[in-house]
């Protein structure tokens, strides 16, 4: 991206794996990524498998509105095929379904695709800290033609019930509130047939002018 100081992720080459790495990496162990990298990965799925360089600045203008510089989206490469991206997207919709692990991330009137994250915190002295987690949820909407990608991360969140400290239960609801506001900002109209009766009043009240 356009700013200096970006940190690389961490994944060791296969020749440096231990005998149990192949059983740990699929669960997220032995891998480290930044929040930006997580968001870009989800955006790649939303963009049909294309990796786009994230931008901080869209354009620079003068005080009277004359454009000085414009920064267009830059394609890095195709990571996965469009069909594979669609299949992953369909799976991610299930995460936010009524029976998914992030049902609390649902936004009335929109189909959401996303993924939860619940990672044990690393102990500086080795191993992991007992009972401490970094929880997250990243997703996009509308799932069928994405306009917004977001990520919520909480480091060692303090909850009333520590046994429920999971990404879908803690980060999911926060994502839902942010995504709902983002949808209004982007003038994305909710689909009436996707609004449950109990949520209809919520949409009407939060969509009122001046709120």
N, C-alpha and C. Protein backbone atom coordinates (compact mmCIF):
# COMPACT_ATOMS: atom_id res chain seq x y z
N UNK A 1 0.84 -1.19 0.00
CA UNK A 1 0.00 0.00 0.00
C UNK A 1 0.88 1.25 0.00
N UNK A 2 0.23 2.43 0.04
CA UNK A 2 1.00 3.66 -0.15
C UNK A 2 1.78 4.11 1.08
N UNK A 3 1.56 3.50 2.23
CA UNK A 3 2.23 3.92 3.45
C UNK A 3 3.40 3.01 3.78
N UNK A 4 4.48 3.58 4.37
CA UNK A 4 5.64 2.74 4.74
C UNK A 4 5.37 1.98 6.02
N UNK A 5 6.20 0.99 6.28
CA UNK A 5 6.13 0.28 7.55
C UNK A 5 5.22 -0.92 7.59
N UNK A 6 4.73 -1.37 6.44
CA UNK A 6 3.87 -2.55 6.44
C UNK A 6 4.67 -3.78 6.88
N UNK A 7 4.07 -4.61 7.71
CA UNK A 7 4.73 -5.79 8.24
C UNK A 7 4.31 -7.03 7.47
N UNK A 8 5.27 -7.89 7.18
CA UNK A 8 4.96 -9.13 6.49
C UNK A 8 4.25 -10.11 7.43
N UNK A 9 3.45 -10.98 6.85
CA UNK A 9 2.86 -12.05 7.63
C UNK A 9 3.91 -13.11 7.93
N UNK A 10 3.51 -14.16 8.63
CA UNK A 10 4.46 -15.21 8.97
C UNK A 10 3.86 -16.58 8.65
N UNK A 11 4.49 -17.27 7.72
CA UNK A 11 4.19 -18.67 7.48
C UNK A 11 5.48 -19.33 7.01
N UNK A 12 5.91 -20.31 7.72
CA UNK A 12 7.20 -20.92 7.42
C UNK A 12 7.12 -21.79 6.17
N UNK A 13 8.20 -21.86 5.40
CA UNK A 13 8.22 -22.73 4.22
C UNK A 13 8.10 -24.19 4.65
N UNK A 14 7.51 -25.04 3.82
CA UNK A 14 7.27 -26.45 4.18
C UNK A 14 8.50 -27.18 4.70
N UNK A 15 9.68 -26.84 4.18
CA UNK A 15 10.88 -27.56 4.64
C UNK A 15 11.21 -27.27 6.10
N UNK A 16 10.61 -26.23 6.66
CA UNK A 16 10.85 -25.90 8.06
C UNK A 16 9.71 -26.33 8.98
N UNK A 17 8.73 -27.04 8.44
CA UNK A 17 7.62 -27.51 9.26
C UNK A 17 8.08 -28.64 10.18
N UNK A 18 7.40 -28.74 11.32
CA UNK A 18 7.64 -29.87 12.22
C UNK A 18 6.76 -31.04 11.78
N UNK A 19 6.85 -32.15 12.49
CA UNK A 19 6.06 -33.33 12.13
C UNK A 19 4.56 -33.11 12.34
N UNK A 20 4.21 -32.14 13.19
CA UNK A 20 2.79 -31.91 13.46
C UNK A 20 2.27 -30.62 12.81
N UNK A 21 3.11 -29.91 12.07
CA UNK A 21 2.68 -28.65 11.46
C UNK A 21 1.46 -28.82 10.57
N UNK A 22 1.44 -29.92 9.81
CA UNK A 22 0.35 -30.13 8.87
C UNK A 22 -1.00 -30.29 9.58
N UNK A 23 -0.97 -30.62 10.86
CA UNK A 23 -2.21 -30.75 11.63
C UNK A 23 -2.54 -29.46 12.37
N UNK A 24 -1.59 -28.56 12.47
CA UNK A 24 -1.78 -27.32 13.23
C UNK A 24 -2.10 -26.12 12.34
N UNK A 25 -1.46 -26.04 11.19
CA UNK A 25 -1.65 -24.89 10.31
C UNK A 25 -3.10 -24.72 9.86
N UNK A 26 -3.83 -25.80 9.51
CA UNK A 26 -5.24 -25.62 9.13
C UNK A 26 -6.10 -25.00 10.21
N UNK A 27 -5.68 -25.09 11.47
CA UNK A 27 -6.43 -24.51 12.58
C UNK A 27 -5.94 -23.11 12.93
N UNK A 28 -4.95 -22.60 12.18
CA UNK A 28 -4.48 -21.25 12.42
C UNK A 28 -3.22 -21.13 13.24
N UNK A 29 -2.71 -22.23 13.75
CA UNK A 29 -1.45 -22.18 14.49
C UNK A 29 -0.28 -22.08 13.51
N UNK A 30 0.84 -21.53 13.99
CA UNK A 30 2.08 -21.40 13.20
C UNK A 30 1.91 -20.41 12.04
N UNK A 31 0.86 -19.61 12.10
CA UNK A 31 0.62 -18.61 11.06
C UNK A 31 0.32 -17.28 11.74
N UNK A 32 0.84 -16.20 11.20
CA UNK A 32 0.56 -14.87 11.75
C UNK A 32 0.29 -13.90 10.60
N UNK A 33 -0.77 -13.11 10.73
CA UNK A 33 -1.11 -12.12 9.71
C UNK A 33 -1.52 -10.82 10.41
N UNK A 34 -1.44 -9.73 9.67
CA UNK A 34 -1.88 -8.44 10.20
C UNK A 34 -3.37 -8.27 9.89
N UNK A 35 -4.05 -7.36 10.60
CA UNK A 35 -5.46 -7.09 10.28
C UNK A 35 -5.66 -6.67 8.82
N UNK A 36 -4.74 -5.88 8.29
CA UNK A 36 -4.86 -5.46 6.90
C UNK A 36 -4.79 -6.67 5.97
N UNK A 37 -3.89 -7.60 6.25
CA UNK A 37 -3.76 -8.78 5.41
C UNK A 37 -5.01 -9.65 5.48
N UNK A 38 -5.64 -9.74 6.65
CA UNK A 38 -6.89 -10.47 6.77
C UNK A 38 -7.98 -9.82 5.94
N UNK A 39 -8.03 -8.50 5.98
CA UNK A 39 -9.05 -7.78 5.22
C UNK A 39 -8.82 -7.93 3.72
N UNK A 40 -7.57 -7.84 3.30
CA UNK A 40 -7.25 -7.99 1.87
C UNK A 40 -7.60 -9.39 1.39
N UNK A 41 -7.36 -10.39 2.23
CA UNK A 41 -7.71 -11.76 1.85
C UNK A 41 -9.21 -11.90 1.62
N UNK A 42 -10.01 -11.33 2.52
CA UNK A 42 -11.46 -11.39 2.35
C UNK A 42 -11.90 -10.58 1.14
N UNK A 43 -11.24 -9.43 0.91
CA UNK A 43 -11.57 -8.61 -0.26
C UNK A 43 -11.24 -9.35 -1.55
N UNK A 44 -10.21 -10.18 -1.53
CA UNK A 44 -9.84 -10.95 -2.71
C UNK A 44 -10.97 -11.91 -3.08
N UNK A 45 -11.58 -12.52 -2.10
CA UNK A 45 -12.72 -13.40 -2.36
C UNK A 45 -13.89 -12.57 -2.88
N UNK A 46 -14.12 -11.42 -2.25
CA UNK A 46 -15.22 -10.55 -2.68
C UNK A 46 -15.02 -10.03 -4.09
N UNK A 47 -13.75 -9.87 -4.50
CA UNK A 47 -13.42 -9.36 -5.84
C UNK A 47 -13.31 -10.48 -6.87
N UNK A 48 -13.86 -11.64 -6.56
CA UNK A 48 -13.85 -12.73 -7.52
C UNK A 48 -12.52 -13.41 -7.70
N UNK A 49 -11.67 -13.34 -6.68
CA UNK A 49 -10.37 -14.01 -6.75
C UNK A 49 -9.21 -13.12 -7.14
N UNK A 50 -9.49 -11.82 -7.36
CA UNK A 50 -8.44 -10.88 -7.76
C UNK A 50 -7.89 -10.14 -6.55
N UNK A 51 -6.56 -10.12 -6.42
CA UNK A 51 -5.90 -9.40 -5.34
C UNK A 51 -5.66 -7.97 -5.79
N UNK A 52 -6.27 -7.03 -5.07
CA UNK A 52 -6.16 -5.60 -5.39
C UNK A 52 -5.35 -4.91 -4.29
N UNK A 53 -4.41 -4.06 -4.69
CA UNK A 53 -3.62 -3.31 -3.72
C UNK A 53 -4.53 -2.37 -2.93
N UNK A 54 -4.53 -2.44 -1.60
CA UNK A 54 -5.38 -1.52 -0.82
C UNK A 54 -4.90 -0.09 -0.96
N UNK A 55 -5.86 0.83 -0.95
CA UNK A 55 -5.54 2.25 -1.08
C UNK A 55 -5.96 3.01 0.17
N UNK A 56 -5.17 4.00 0.54
CA UNK A 56 -5.53 4.89 1.63
C UNK A 56 -6.14 6.16 1.06
N UNK A 57 -5.64 6.61 -0.09
CA UNK A 57 -6.11 7.83 -0.73
C UNK A 57 -6.70 7.49 -2.09
N UNK A 58 -7.91 7.97 -2.35
CA UNK A 58 -8.55 7.75 -3.65
C UNK A 58 -8.14 8.82 -4.65
N UNK A 59 -8.15 10.08 -4.22
CA UNK A 59 -7.71 11.17 -5.09
C UNK A 59 -7.33 12.39 -4.26
N UNK A 60 -6.57 13.28 -4.86
CA UNK A 60 -6.15 14.54 -4.23
C UNK A 60 -6.72 15.67 -5.08
N UNK A 61 -7.41 16.60 -4.43
CA UNK A 61 -8.01 17.72 -5.15
C UNK A 61 -7.59 19.05 -4.55
N UNK A 62 -7.79 20.10 -5.31
CA UNK A 62 -7.57 21.45 -4.81
C UNK A 62 -8.80 21.89 -4.02
N UNK A 63 -8.71 23.07 -3.41
CA UNK A 63 -9.83 23.56 -2.61
C UNK A 63 -11.09 23.78 -3.45
N UNK A 64 -10.90 24.07 -4.74
CA UNK A 64 -12.07 24.29 -5.60
C UNK A 64 -12.53 23.03 -6.32
N UNK A 65 -11.97 21.88 -5.92
CA UNK A 65 -12.45 20.62 -6.47
C UNK A 65 -11.71 20.10 -7.68
N UNK A 66 -10.65 20.75 -8.12
CA UNK A 66 -9.89 20.28 -9.28
C UNK A 66 -9.00 19.09 -8.86
N UNK A 67 -9.08 18.02 -9.63
CA UNK A 67 -8.30 16.83 -9.30
C UNK A 67 -6.84 17.00 -9.67
N UNK A 68 -5.97 16.78 -8.69
CA UNK A 68 -4.52 16.86 -8.91
C UNK A 68 -3.96 15.48 -9.22
N UNK A 69 -4.32 14.52 -8.39
CA UNK A 69 -3.86 13.14 -8.59
C UNK A 69 -5.01 12.19 -8.28
N UNK A 70 -5.07 11.11 -9.03
CA UNK A 70 -6.09 10.09 -8.79
C UNK A 70 -5.41 8.73 -8.73
N UNK A 71 -5.80 7.94 -7.75
CA UNK A 71 -5.17 6.64 -7.55
C UNK A 71 -6.19 5.54 -7.85
N UNK A 72 -6.04 4.93 -9.00
CA UNK A 72 -6.98 3.89 -9.43
C UNK A 72 -6.62 2.55 -8.79
N UNK A 73 -7.61 1.66 -8.66
CA UNK A 73 -7.33 0.32 -8.13
C UNK A 73 -6.27 -0.38 -8.96
N UNK A 74 -5.34 -1.05 -8.30
CA UNK A 74 -4.24 -1.72 -8.99
C UNK A 74 -4.32 -3.23 -8.76
N UNK A 75 -4.44 -3.98 -9.86
CA UNK A 75 -4.51 -5.43 -9.77
C UNK A 75 -3.11 -6.00 -9.57
N UNK A 76 -2.93 -6.77 -8.51
CA UNK A 76 -1.65 -7.42 -8.24
C UNK A 76 -1.55 -8.71 -9.03
N UNK A 77 -2.55 -9.56 -8.86
CA UNK A 77 -2.60 -10.83 -9.59
C UNK A 77 -3.92 -11.53 -9.27
N UNK A 78 -4.23 -12.54 -10.04
CA UNK A 78 -5.37 -13.39 -9.71
C UNK A 78 -4.88 -14.50 -8.79
N UNK A 79 -5.49 -14.61 -7.63
CA UNK A 79 -5.07 -15.59 -6.63
C UNK A 79 -5.79 -16.92 -6.82
N UNK A 80 -7.10 -16.84 -7.02
CA UNK A 80 -7.92 -18.02 -7.25
C UNK A 80 -8.87 -17.72 -8.41
N UNK A 81 -9.43 -18.76 -8.98
CA UNK A 81 -10.35 -18.57 -10.11
C UNK A 81 -11.65 -17.93 -9.62
N UNK A 82 -12.38 -17.34 -10.53
CA UNK A 82 -13.65 -16.71 -10.18
C UNK A 82 -14.63 -17.75 -9.62
N UNK A 83 -14.63 -18.94 -10.21
CA UNK A 83 -15.53 -19.99 -9.74
C UNK A 83 -15.18 -20.42 -8.32
N UNK A 84 -13.88 -20.54 -8.04
CA UNK A 84 -13.46 -20.90 -6.68
C UNK A 84 -13.88 -19.83 -5.69
N UNK A 85 -13.73 -18.56 -6.08
CA UNK A 85 -14.13 -17.45 -5.21
C UNK A 85 -15.63 -17.51 -4.93
N UNK A 86 -16.42 -17.87 -5.94
CA UNK A 86 -17.87 -17.97 -5.75
C UNK A 86 -18.21 -19.10 -4.77
N UNK A 87 -17.52 -20.22 -4.91
CA UNK A 87 -17.78 -21.35 -4.03
C UNK A 87 -17.42 -21.02 -2.58
N UNK A 88 -16.29 -20.34 -2.40
CA UNK A 88 -15.89 -19.93 -1.05
C UNK A 88 -16.91 -18.94 -0.50
N UNK A 89 -17.35 -18.01 -1.36
CA UNK A 89 -18.35 -17.03 -0.95
C UNK A 89 -19.64 -17.68 -0.48
N UNK A 90 -20.07 -18.72 -1.20
CA UNK A 90 -21.28 -19.43 -0.78
C UNK A 90 -21.09 -20.09 0.59
N UNK A 91 -19.90 -20.64 0.81
CA UNK A 91 -19.62 -21.26 2.11
C UNK A 91 -19.61 -20.20 3.21
N UNK A 92 -19.07 -19.03 2.91
CA UNK A 92 -18.99 -17.96 3.90
C UNK A 92 -20.37 -17.40 4.25
N UNK A 93 -21.32 -17.52 3.33
CA UNK A 93 -22.68 -17.09 3.65
C UNK A 93 -23.26 -17.96 4.76
N UNK A 94 -22.91 -19.23 4.72
CA UNK A 94 -23.42 -20.14 5.74
C UNK A 94 -22.96 -19.78 7.14
N UNK A 95 -21.80 -19.13 7.24
CA UNK A 95 -21.28 -18.73 8.55
C UNK A 95 -22.22 -17.75 9.23
N UNK A 96 -22.88 -16.89 8.42
CA UNK A 96 -23.75 -15.85 8.97
C UNK A 96 -25.23 -16.25 8.88
N UNK A 97 -25.50 -17.49 8.58
CA UNK A 97 -26.88 -17.97 8.54
C UNK A 97 -27.38 -18.20 9.96
N UNK A 98 -28.66 -18.50 10.08
CA UNK A 98 -29.25 -18.72 11.41
C UNK A 98 -28.55 -19.84 12.17
N UNK A 99 -28.00 -20.80 11.43
CA UNK A 99 -27.34 -21.93 12.07
C UNK A 99 -25.82 -21.80 12.05
N UNK A 100 -25.31 -20.68 11.56
CA UNK A 100 -23.87 -20.49 11.46
C UNK A 100 -23.25 -20.04 12.77
N UNK A 101 -21.93 -20.00 12.79
CA UNK A 101 -21.21 -19.59 14.00
C UNK A 101 -21.22 -18.08 14.21
N UNK A 102 -21.68 -17.32 13.20
CA UNK A 102 -21.72 -15.87 13.32
C UNK A 102 -23.09 -15.33 12.93
N UNK A 103 -24.14 -15.98 13.42
CA UNK A 103 -25.50 -15.49 13.15
C UNK A 103 -25.68 -14.07 13.67
N UNK A 104 -24.92 -13.71 14.71
CA UNK A 104 -25.03 -12.37 15.30
C UNK A 104 -24.43 -11.29 14.41
N UNK A 105 -23.74 -11.67 13.33
CA UNK A 105 -23.15 -10.69 12.41
C UNK A 105 -24.12 -10.30 11.30
N UNK A 106 -25.32 -10.87 11.32
CA UNK A 106 -26.29 -10.60 10.26
C UNK A 106 -26.74 -9.14 10.28
N UNK A 107 -27.00 -8.60 9.09
CA UNK A 107 -27.50 -7.23 8.94
C UNK A 107 -28.86 -7.32 8.26
N UNK A 108 -29.92 -6.79 8.86
CA UNK A 108 -31.25 -6.88 8.27
C UNK A 108 -31.29 -6.34 6.84
N UNK A 109 -31.82 -7.14 5.92
CA UNK A 109 -31.95 -6.69 4.54
C UNK A 109 -30.80 -7.02 3.64
N UNK A 110 -29.75 -7.64 4.18
CA UNK A 110 -28.57 -7.95 3.37
C UNK A 110 -28.11 -9.38 3.61
N UNK A 111 -27.55 -9.98 2.56
CA UNK A 111 -26.90 -11.27 2.70
C UNK A 111 -25.43 -11.00 3.01
N UNK A 112 -24.94 -11.54 4.11
CA UNK A 112 -23.57 -11.31 4.55
C UNK A 112 -22.75 -12.58 4.35
N UNK A 113 -21.51 -12.41 3.94
CA UNK A 113 -20.55 -13.52 3.87
C UNK A 113 -19.40 -13.17 4.79
N UNK A 114 -18.94 -14.12 5.58
CA UNK A 114 -17.86 -13.78 6.50
C UNK A 114 -17.28 -14.99 7.20
N UNK A 115 -16.30 -14.71 8.05
CA UNK A 115 -15.60 -15.78 8.79
C UNK A 115 -15.21 -15.28 10.17
N UNK A 116 -15.41 -16.16 11.13
CA UNK A 116 -15.02 -15.84 12.50
C UNK A 116 -13.56 -16.22 12.73
N UNK A 117 -13.00 -15.67 13.79
CA UNK A 117 -11.65 -16.03 14.19
C UNK A 117 -11.55 -16.04 15.71
N UNK A 118 -11.00 -17.10 16.28
CA UNK A 118 -10.78 -17.19 17.72
C UNK A 118 -9.39 -17.78 17.93
N UNK A 119 -8.43 -16.92 18.25
CA UNK A 119 -7.03 -17.35 18.36
C UNK A 119 -6.53 -17.22 19.79
N UNK A 120 -5.84 -18.24 20.26
CA UNK A 120 -5.20 -18.16 21.57
C UNK A 120 -4.06 -17.16 21.54
N UNK A 121 -3.90 -16.40 22.61
CA UNK A 121 -2.82 -15.42 22.68
C UNK A 121 -1.50 -16.12 22.99
N UNK A 122 -0.48 -15.70 22.30
CA UNK A 122 0.85 -16.28 22.50
C UNK A 122 1.44 -15.79 23.81
N UNK A 123 2.00 -16.71 24.57
CA UNK A 123 2.70 -16.37 25.81
C UNK A 123 4.14 -16.02 25.45
N UNK A 124 4.62 -14.82 25.84
CA UNK A 124 6.01 -14.43 25.52
C UNK A 124 7.05 -15.43 26.01
N UNK A 125 6.69 -16.23 27.00
CA UNK A 125 7.62 -17.21 27.56
C UNK A 125 7.49 -18.58 26.92
N UNK A 126 6.61 -18.67 25.92
CA UNK A 126 6.42 -19.94 25.23
C UNK A 126 5.01 -20.48 25.38
N UNK A 127 4.51 -21.10 24.33
CA UNK A 127 3.16 -21.64 24.39
C UNK A 127 2.11 -20.56 24.26
N UNK A 128 0.95 -20.80 24.88
CA UNK A 128 -0.16 -19.86 24.80
C UNK A 128 -0.67 -19.52 26.19
N UNK A 129 -1.24 -18.31 26.32
CA UNK A 129 -1.78 -17.85 27.59
C UNK A 129 -3.14 -18.48 27.82
N UNK A 130 -3.34 -19.09 28.95
CA UNK A 130 -4.58 -19.78 29.26
C UNK A 130 -5.73 -18.79 29.41
N UNK A 131 -6.81 -19.05 28.68
CA UNK A 131 -8.02 -18.25 28.81
C UNK A 131 -7.98 -16.89 28.14
N UNK A 132 -6.92 -16.61 27.36
CA UNK A 132 -6.83 -15.32 26.67
C UNK A 132 -6.86 -15.53 25.16
N UNK A 133 -7.71 -14.74 24.50
CA UNK A 133 -7.90 -14.93 23.06
C UNK A 133 -7.95 -13.60 22.32
N UNK A 134 -7.64 -13.68 21.03
CA UNK A 134 -7.88 -12.58 20.10
C UNK A 134 -9.02 -13.06 19.21
N UNK A 135 -10.16 -12.39 19.29
CA UNK A 135 -11.32 -12.82 18.51
C UNK A 135 -11.58 -11.83 17.39
N UNK A 136 -12.14 -12.32 16.30
CA UNK A 136 -12.34 -11.46 15.14
C UNK A 136 -13.51 -11.93 14.29
N UNK A 137 -13.95 -11.03 13.44
CA UNK A 137 -14.90 -11.38 12.38
C UNK A 137 -14.60 -10.48 11.20
N UNK A 138 -14.49 -11.07 10.03
CA UNK A 138 -14.30 -10.30 8.80
C UNK A 138 -15.33 -10.77 7.79
N UNK A 139 -15.91 -9.83 7.06
CA UNK A 139 -16.94 -10.21 6.11
C UNK A 139 -17.21 -9.12 5.09
N UNK A 140 -18.14 -9.40 4.19
CA UNK A 140 -18.50 -8.41 3.17
C UNK A 140 -19.99 -8.46 2.86
N UNK A 141 -20.47 -7.35 2.31
CA UNK A 141 -21.87 -7.25 1.91
C UNK A 141 -22.02 -6.30 0.72
N UNK A 142 -23.10 -6.45 -0.04
CA UNK A 142 -23.96 -7.63 -0.14
C UNK A 142 -23.15 -8.81 -0.69
N UNK A 143 -23.44 -9.99 -0.24
CA UNK A 143 -22.63 -11.15 -0.61
C UNK A 143 -22.65 -11.42 -2.10
N UNK A 144 -23.76 -11.08 -2.79
CA UNK A 144 -23.85 -11.39 -4.21
C UNK A 144 -23.20 -10.33 -5.10
N UNK A 145 -23.05 -9.11 -4.60
CA UNK A 145 -22.30 -8.07 -5.33
C UNK A 145 -21.66 -7.14 -4.30
N UNK A 146 -20.53 -7.55 -3.76
CA UNK A 146 -19.91 -6.85 -2.62
C UNK A 146 -19.55 -5.39 -2.89
N UNK A 147 -19.86 -4.57 -1.89
CA UNK A 147 -19.50 -3.15 -1.92
C UNK A 147 -18.70 -2.74 -0.68
N UNK A 148 -18.72 -3.58 0.34
CA UNK A 148 -18.07 -3.24 1.60
C UNK A 148 -17.42 -4.48 2.21
N UNK A 149 -16.18 -4.33 2.64
CA UNK A 149 -15.47 -5.39 3.37
C UNK A 149 -15.02 -4.80 4.70
N UNK A 150 -15.23 -5.53 5.78
CA UNK A 150 -14.85 -5.01 7.08
C UNK A 150 -14.25 -6.07 7.98
N UNK A 151 -13.51 -5.63 8.97
CA UNK A 151 -12.88 -6.53 9.94
C UNK A 151 -12.99 -5.93 11.33
N UNK A 152 -13.36 -6.76 12.29
CA UNK A 152 -13.40 -6.36 13.70
C UNK A 152 -12.50 -7.32 14.47
N UNK A 153 -11.56 -6.77 15.24
CA UNK A 153 -10.65 -7.58 16.05
C UNK A 153 -10.66 -7.08 17.49
N UNK A 154 -10.77 -7.98 18.44
CA UNK A 154 -10.71 -7.62 19.86
C UNK A 154 -9.63 -8.46 20.53
N UNK A 155 -8.70 -7.77 21.17
CA UNK A 155 -7.58 -8.42 21.85
C UNK A 155 -7.92 -8.63 23.32
N UNK A 156 -8.07 -9.89 23.71
CA UNK A 156 -8.37 -10.26 25.09
C UNK A 156 -9.59 -9.51 25.61
N UNK A 157 -10.68 -9.62 24.87
CA UNK A 157 -11.92 -8.93 25.24
C UNK A 157 -12.43 -9.41 26.59
N UNK A 158 -12.91 -8.47 27.39
CA UNK A 158 -13.47 -8.81 28.70
C UNK A 158 -14.97 -9.01 28.54
N UNK A 159 -15.44 -10.21 28.72
CA UNK A 159 -16.85 -10.52 28.57
C UNK A 159 -17.43 -11.02 29.88
N UNK A 160 -18.76 -10.91 29.99
CA UNK A 160 -19.42 -11.35 31.22
C UNK A 160 -19.34 -12.86 31.37
N UNK A 161 -19.21 -13.55 30.23
CA UNK A 161 -19.07 -15.00 30.25
C UNK A 161 -17.85 -15.39 29.42
N UNK A 162 -16.68 -15.51 30.05
CA UNK A 162 -15.44 -15.82 29.33
C UNK A 162 -15.54 -17.07 28.47
N UNK A 163 -16.39 -18.02 28.87
CA UNK A 163 -16.51 -19.25 28.08
C UNK A 163 -17.19 -19.00 26.73
N UNK A 164 -17.76 -17.81 26.55
CA UNK A 164 -18.40 -17.46 25.28
C UNK A 164 -17.58 -16.45 24.49
N UNK A 165 -16.29 -16.36 24.80
CA UNK A 165 -15.41 -15.39 24.13
C UNK A 165 -14.97 -15.93 22.77
N UNK A 166 -15.89 -15.90 21.81
CA UNK A 166 -15.61 -16.38 20.46
C UNK A 166 -15.85 -15.25 19.45
N UNK A 167 -15.20 -15.36 18.30
CA UNK A 167 -15.32 -14.33 17.28
C UNK A 167 -16.74 -14.05 16.86
N UNK A 168 -17.52 -15.10 16.64
CA UNK A 168 -18.89 -14.91 16.18
C UNK A 168 -19.78 -14.25 17.20
N UNK A 169 -19.54 -14.50 18.48
CA UNK A 169 -20.39 -13.96 19.54
C UNK A 169 -19.96 -12.58 20.01
N UNK A 170 -18.67 -12.27 19.92
CA UNK A 170 -18.16 -11.00 20.42
C UNK A 170 -17.91 -9.99 19.29
N UNK A 171 -17.16 -10.40 18.26
CA UNK A 171 -16.84 -9.49 17.16
C UNK A 171 -17.99 -9.40 16.15
N UNK A 172 -18.76 -10.49 16.00
CA UNK A 172 -19.84 -10.51 15.02
C UNK A 172 -20.85 -9.39 15.18
N UNK A 173 -21.41 -9.17 16.39
CA UNK A 173 -22.38 -8.10 16.56
C UNK A 173 -21.81 -6.71 16.28
N UNK A 174 -20.54 -6.50 16.59
CA UNK A 174 -19.91 -5.20 16.31
C UNK A 174 -19.81 -5.00 14.81
N UNK A 175 -19.42 -6.06 14.09
CA UNK A 175 -19.37 -5.97 12.62
C UNK A 175 -20.74 -5.62 12.08
N UNK A 176 -21.79 -6.23 12.61
CA UNK A 176 -23.15 -5.97 12.12
C UNK A 176 -23.51 -4.50 12.24
N UNK A 177 -23.18 -3.88 13.37
CA UNK A 177 -23.50 -2.46 13.56
C UNK A 177 -22.71 -1.58 12.61
N UNK A 178 -21.43 -1.89 12.43
CA UNK A 178 -20.60 -1.11 11.52
C UNK A 178 -21.07 -1.28 10.08
N UNK A 179 -21.34 -2.53 9.68
CA UNK A 179 -21.75 -2.81 8.31
C UNK A 179 -23.08 -2.16 7.99
N UNK A 180 -23.98 -2.12 8.96
CA UNK A 180 -25.28 -1.48 8.75
C UNK A 180 -25.11 0.01 8.47
N UNK A 181 -24.23 0.66 9.23
CA UNK A 181 -23.96 2.08 9.01
C UNK A 181 -23.25 2.29 7.67
N UNK A 182 -22.32 1.39 7.32
CA UNK A 182 -21.61 1.50 6.05
C UNK A 182 -22.56 1.36 4.88
N UNK A 183 -23.54 0.47 5.01
CA UNK A 183 -24.52 0.28 3.94
C UNK A 183 -25.32 1.56 3.70
N UNK A 184 -25.69 2.24 4.78
CA UNK A 184 -26.42 3.50 4.62
C UNK A 184 -25.53 4.56 4.00
N UNK A 185 -24.27 4.62 4.44
CA UNK A 185 -23.32 5.59 3.89
C UNK A 185 -23.12 5.38 2.39
N UNK A 186 -23.11 4.12 1.97
CA UNK A 186 -22.90 3.79 0.56
C UNK A 186 -24.20 3.76 -0.23
N UNK A 187 -25.30 4.14 0.41
CA UNK A 187 -26.63 4.16 -0.23
C UNK A 187 -27.02 2.79 -0.78
N UNK A 188 -26.72 1.75 -0.02
CA UNK A 188 -27.11 0.40 -0.42
C UNK A 188 -28.49 0.10 0.17
N UNK A 189 -29.44 -0.18 -0.68
CA UNK A 189 -30.81 -0.41 -0.23
C UNK A 189 -30.98 -1.84 0.27
N UNK A 190 -31.52 -2.02 1.46
CA UNK A 190 -31.78 -3.38 1.96
C UNK A 190 -32.90 -4.04 1.17
N UNK A 191 -32.84 -5.35 1.06
CA UNK A 191 -33.89 -6.10 0.37
C UNK A 191 -35.01 -6.41 1.35
N UNK A 192 -36.22 -5.90 1.08
CA UNK A 192 -37.33 -6.09 2.02
C UNK A 192 -37.60 -7.55 2.36
N UNK A 193 -37.42 -8.45 1.38
CA UNK A 193 -37.72 -9.86 1.63
C UNK A 193 -36.70 -10.51 2.55
N UNK A 194 -35.59 -9.81 2.83
CA UNK A 194 -34.58 -10.36 3.73
C UNK A 194 -34.68 -9.79 5.14
N UNK A 195 -35.68 -8.93 5.35
CA UNK A 195 -35.86 -8.31 6.66
C UNK A 195 -36.89 -9.10 7.45
N UNK A 196 -36.47 -9.65 8.56
CA UNK A 196 -37.38 -10.40 9.42
C UNK A 196 -38.30 -9.42 10.14
N UNK A 197 -39.52 -9.83 10.48
CA UNK A 197 -40.47 -8.93 11.16
C UNK A 197 -39.88 -8.26 12.39
N UNK A 198 -39.08 -8.98 13.16
CA UNK A 198 -38.51 -8.42 14.39
C UNK A 198 -37.44 -7.38 14.11
N UNK A 199 -36.89 -7.40 12.87
CA UNK A 199 -35.82 -6.47 12.52
C UNK A 199 -36.32 -5.30 11.72
N UNK A 200 -37.56 -5.36 11.21
CA UNK A 200 -38.07 -4.31 10.34
C UNK A 200 -38.08 -2.97 11.03
N UNK A 201 -38.52 -2.95 12.31
CA UNK A 201 -38.55 -1.70 13.04
C UNK A 201 -37.17 -1.12 13.24
N UNK A 202 -36.19 -1.99 13.43
CA UNK A 202 -34.81 -1.54 13.62
C UNK A 202 -34.31 -0.83 12.38
N UNK A 203 -34.60 -1.39 11.20
CA UNK A 203 -34.14 -0.78 9.96
C UNK A 203 -34.82 0.55 9.74
N UNK A 204 -36.14 0.61 10.01
CA UNK A 204 -36.88 1.84 9.80
C UNK A 204 -36.36 2.95 10.70
N UNK A 205 -36.08 2.62 11.96
CA UNK A 205 -35.64 3.64 12.90
C UNK A 205 -34.23 4.11 12.62
N UNK A 206 -33.33 3.19 12.24
CA UNK A 206 -31.94 3.58 12.01
C UNK A 206 -31.76 4.25 10.66
N UNK A 207 -32.77 4.12 9.77
CA UNK A 207 -32.65 4.73 8.45
C UNK A 207 -33.27 6.11 8.41
N UNK A 208 -33.86 6.56 9.52
CA UNK A 208 -34.52 7.86 9.53
C UNK A 208 -33.51 8.97 9.34
N UNK A 209 -33.89 10.05 8.58
CA UNK A 209 -32.97 11.15 8.34
C UNK A 209 -32.47 11.76 9.65
N UNK A 210 -31.21 12.11 9.67
CA UNK A 210 -30.64 12.76 10.83
C UNK A 210 -30.18 11.82 11.92
N UNK A 211 -30.27 10.51 11.70
CA UNK A 211 -29.85 9.54 12.72
C UNK A 211 -28.75 8.66 12.19
